[in-house]
Amino acid sequence: MAEAQVIGKIVVATRIPINVKRLENGRIGLLVPPGDANELTHAILAALFKSEVVQQKIEAAKLTISKFHPRQCLRALVQLLNP
């Protein structure tokens, strides 16, 4: 997910706790209920053909790039390993 966001690609993901957190409750990607093929289809079609929806989410995602900088990732890992 992070790689897609950083390079400006829209993310479609299942609405599970980790994805809700990663996609900031849908602000920077499209979330669909688990097991709902109809909603997944709608989200994929929106990602492909509704540029007005996608562009807002991509711009918001690009603002999160700093979270994925190697130093930031290292800092987060060190905090996990040394509580």
C-alpha atoms as a PDB file:
ATOM      1  CA  MET A   1       0.000   0.000   0.000  1.00  0.00           C
ATOM      2  CA  ALA A   2       2.682   2.476   0.971  1.00  0.00           C
ATOM      3  CA  GLU A   3       4.527   2.054  -2.308  1.00  0.00           C
ATOM      4  CA  ALA A   4       1.359   2.647  -4.327  1.00  0.00           C
ATOM      5  CA  GLN A   5       0.497   5.745  -2.324  1.00  0.00           C
ATOM      6  CA  VAL A   6       3.962   7.228  -2.611  1.00  0.00           C
ATOM      7  CA  ILE A   7       4.064   6.886  -6.400  1.00  0.00           C
ATOM      8  CA  GLY A   8       0.573   8.322  -6.801  1.00  0.00           C
ATOM      9  CA  LYS A   9      -1.547   5.234  -7.389  1.00  0.00           C
ATOM     10  CA  ILE A  10      -4.964   4.782  -5.855  1.00  0.00           C
ATOM     11  CA  VAL A  11      -5.354   1.943  -3.354  1.00  0.00           C
ATOM     12  CA  VAL A  12      -8.460  -0.231  -3.025  1.00  0.00           C
ATOM     13  CA  ALA A  13      -8.417  -2.329   0.141  1.00  0.00           C
ATOM     14  CA  THR A  14     -10.653  -4.346   2.430  1.00  0.00           C
ATOM     15  CA  ARG A  15     -12.031  -2.440   5.395  1.00  0.00           C
ATOM     16  CA  ILE A  16     -10.122  -4.196   8.161  1.00  0.00           C
ATOM     17  CA  PRO A  17      -8.531  -2.355  11.108  1.00  0.00           C
ATOM     18  CA  ILE A  18      -4.988  -2.147   9.697  1.00  0.00           C
ATOM     19  CA  ASN A  19      -6.199  -0.913   6.307  1.00  0.00           C
ATOM     20  CA  VAL A  20      -8.531   1.610   7.920  1.00  0.00           C
ATOM     21  CA  LYS A  21      -5.506   2.970   9.773  1.00  0.00           C
ATOM     22  CA  ARG A  22      -3.197   2.883   6.726  1.00  0.00           C
ATOM     23  CA  LEU A  23      -5.737   4.597   4.485  1.00  0.00           C
ATOM     24  CA  GLU A  24      -6.766   7.058   7.196  1.00  0.00           C
ATOM     25  CA  ASN A  25     -10.351   5.802   7.285  1.00  0.00           C
ATOM     26  CA  GLY A  26     -10.674   6.113   3.515  1.00  0.00           C
ATOM     27  CA  ARG A  27      -9.205   9.594   3.180  1.00  0.00           C
ATOM     28  CA  ILE A  28      -6.266   8.393   1.087  1.00  0.00           C
ATOM     29  CA  GLY A  29      -7.714   5.264  -0.522  1.00  0.00           C
ATOM     30  CA  LEU A  30     -10.876   3.318  -1.175  1.00  0.00           C
ATOM     31  CA  LEU A  31     -12.101   0.883   1.479  1.00  0.00           C
ATOM     32  CA  VAL A  32     -14.643  -1.889   0.907  1.00  0.00           C
ATOM     33  CA  PRO A  33     -16.341  -4.257   3.338  1.00  0.00           C
ATOM     34  CA  PRO A  34     -14.756  -7.721   3.590  1.00  0.00           C
ATOM     35  CA  GLY A  35     -16.413 -10.289   1.352  1.00  0.00           C
ATOM     36  CA  ASP A  36     -18.526  -7.759  -0.560  1.00  0.00           C
ATOM     37  CA  ALA A  37     -17.754  -8.419  -4.221  1.00  0.00           C
ATOM     38  CA  ASN A  38     -20.306  -5.832  -5.361  1.00  0.00           C
ATOM     39  CA  GLU A  39     -18.679  -3.022  -3.372  1.00  0.00           C
ATOM     40  CA  LEU A  40     -15.235  -4.168  -4.489  1.00  0.00           C
ATOM     41  CA  THR A  41     -16.378  -3.956  -8.106  1.00  0.00           C
ATOM     42  CA  HIS A  42     -17.770  -0.452  -7.555  1.00  0.00           C
ATOM     43  CA  ALA A  43     -14.544   0.681  -5.867  1.00  0.00           C
ATOM     44  CA  ILE A  44     -12.378  -0.685  -8.683  1.00  0.00           C
ATOM     45  CA  LEU A  45     -14.583   0.968 -11.301  1.00  0.00           C
ATOM     46  CA  ALA A  46     -14.439   4.246  -9.372  1.00  0.00           C
ATOM     47  CA  ALA A  47     -10.649   3.956  -9.187  1.00  0.00           C
ATOM     48  CA  LEU A  48     -10.475   3.416 -12.933  1.00  0.00           C
ATOM     49  CA  PHE A  49     -13.075   5.856 -14.208  1.00  0.00           C
ATOM     50  CA  LYS A  50     -13.924   8.526 -11.604  1.00  0.00           C
ATOM     51  CA  SER A  51     -10.925  10.805 -11.729  1.00  0.00           C
ATOM     52  CA  GLU A  52     -12.563  13.433  -9.499  1.00  0.00           C
ATOM     53  CA  VAL A  53     -12.761  10.927  -6.629  1.00  0.00           C
ATOM     54  CA  VAL A  54      -9.362   9.382  -7.245  1.00  0.00           C
ATOM     55  CA  GLN A  55      -7.430  12.627  -7.654  1.00  0.00           C
ATOM     56  CA  GLN A  56      -8.448  13.940  -4.212  1.00  0.00           C
ATOM     57  CA  LYS A  57      -7.327  10.716  -2.543  1.00  0.00           C
ATOM     58  CA  ILE A  58      -4.057  10.596  -4.483  1.00  0.00           C
ATOM     59  CA  GLU A  59      -3.222  14.185  -3.533  1.00  0.00           C
ATOM     60  CA  ALA A  60      -3.982  13.426   0.121  1.00  0.00           C
ATOM     61  CA  ALA A  61      -1.852  10.270  -0.051  1.00  0.00           C
ATOM     62  CA  LYS A  62       1.115  12.177  -1.483  1.00  0.00           C
ATOM     63  CA  LEU A  63       1.072  14.353   1.635  1.00  0.00           C
ATOM     64  CA  THR A  64       1.820  11.242   3.706  1.00  0.00           C
ATOM     65  CA  ILE A  65       5.094  10.418   1.905  1.00  0.00           C
ATOM     66  CA  SER A  66       7.193  11.553   4.857  1.00  0.00           C
ATOM     67  CA  LYS A  67       5.758   8.678   6.936  1.00  0.00           C
ATOM     68  CA  PHE A  68       7.557   6.250   4.637  1.00  0.00           C
ATOM     69  CA  HIS A  69      10.996   7.842   4.661  1.00  0.00           C
ATOM     70  CA  PRO A  70      13.627   5.252   5.693  1.00  0.00           C
ATOM     71  CA  ARG A  71      14.616   7.245   8.797  1.00  0.00           C
ATOM     72  CA  GLN A  72      10.995   7.419   9.895  1.00  0.00           C
ATOM     73  CA  CYS A  73      10.570   3.658   9.372  1.00  0.00           C
ATOM     74  CA  LEU A  74      13.756   2.945  11.311  1.00  0.00           C
ATOM     75  CA  ARG A  75      12.585   5.177  14.164  1.00  0.00           C
ATOM     76  CA  ALA A  76       9.276   3.313  14.305  1.00  0.00           C
ATOM     77  CA  LEU A  77      11.007  -0.074  14.325  1.00  0.00           C
ATOM     78  CA  VAL A  78      13.395   0.981  17.092  1.00  0.00           C
ATOM     79  CA  GLN A  79      10.427   2.106  19.188  1.00  0.00           C
ATOM     80  CA  LEU A  80       8.747  -1.256  18.662  1.00  0.00           C
ATOM     81  CA  LEU A  81      11.855  -3.194  19.655  1.00  0.00           C
ATOM     82  CA  ASN A  82      12.797  -0.964  22.613  1.00  0.00           C
ATOM     83  CA  PRO A  83       9.578  -0.062  24.423  1.00  0.00           C
END
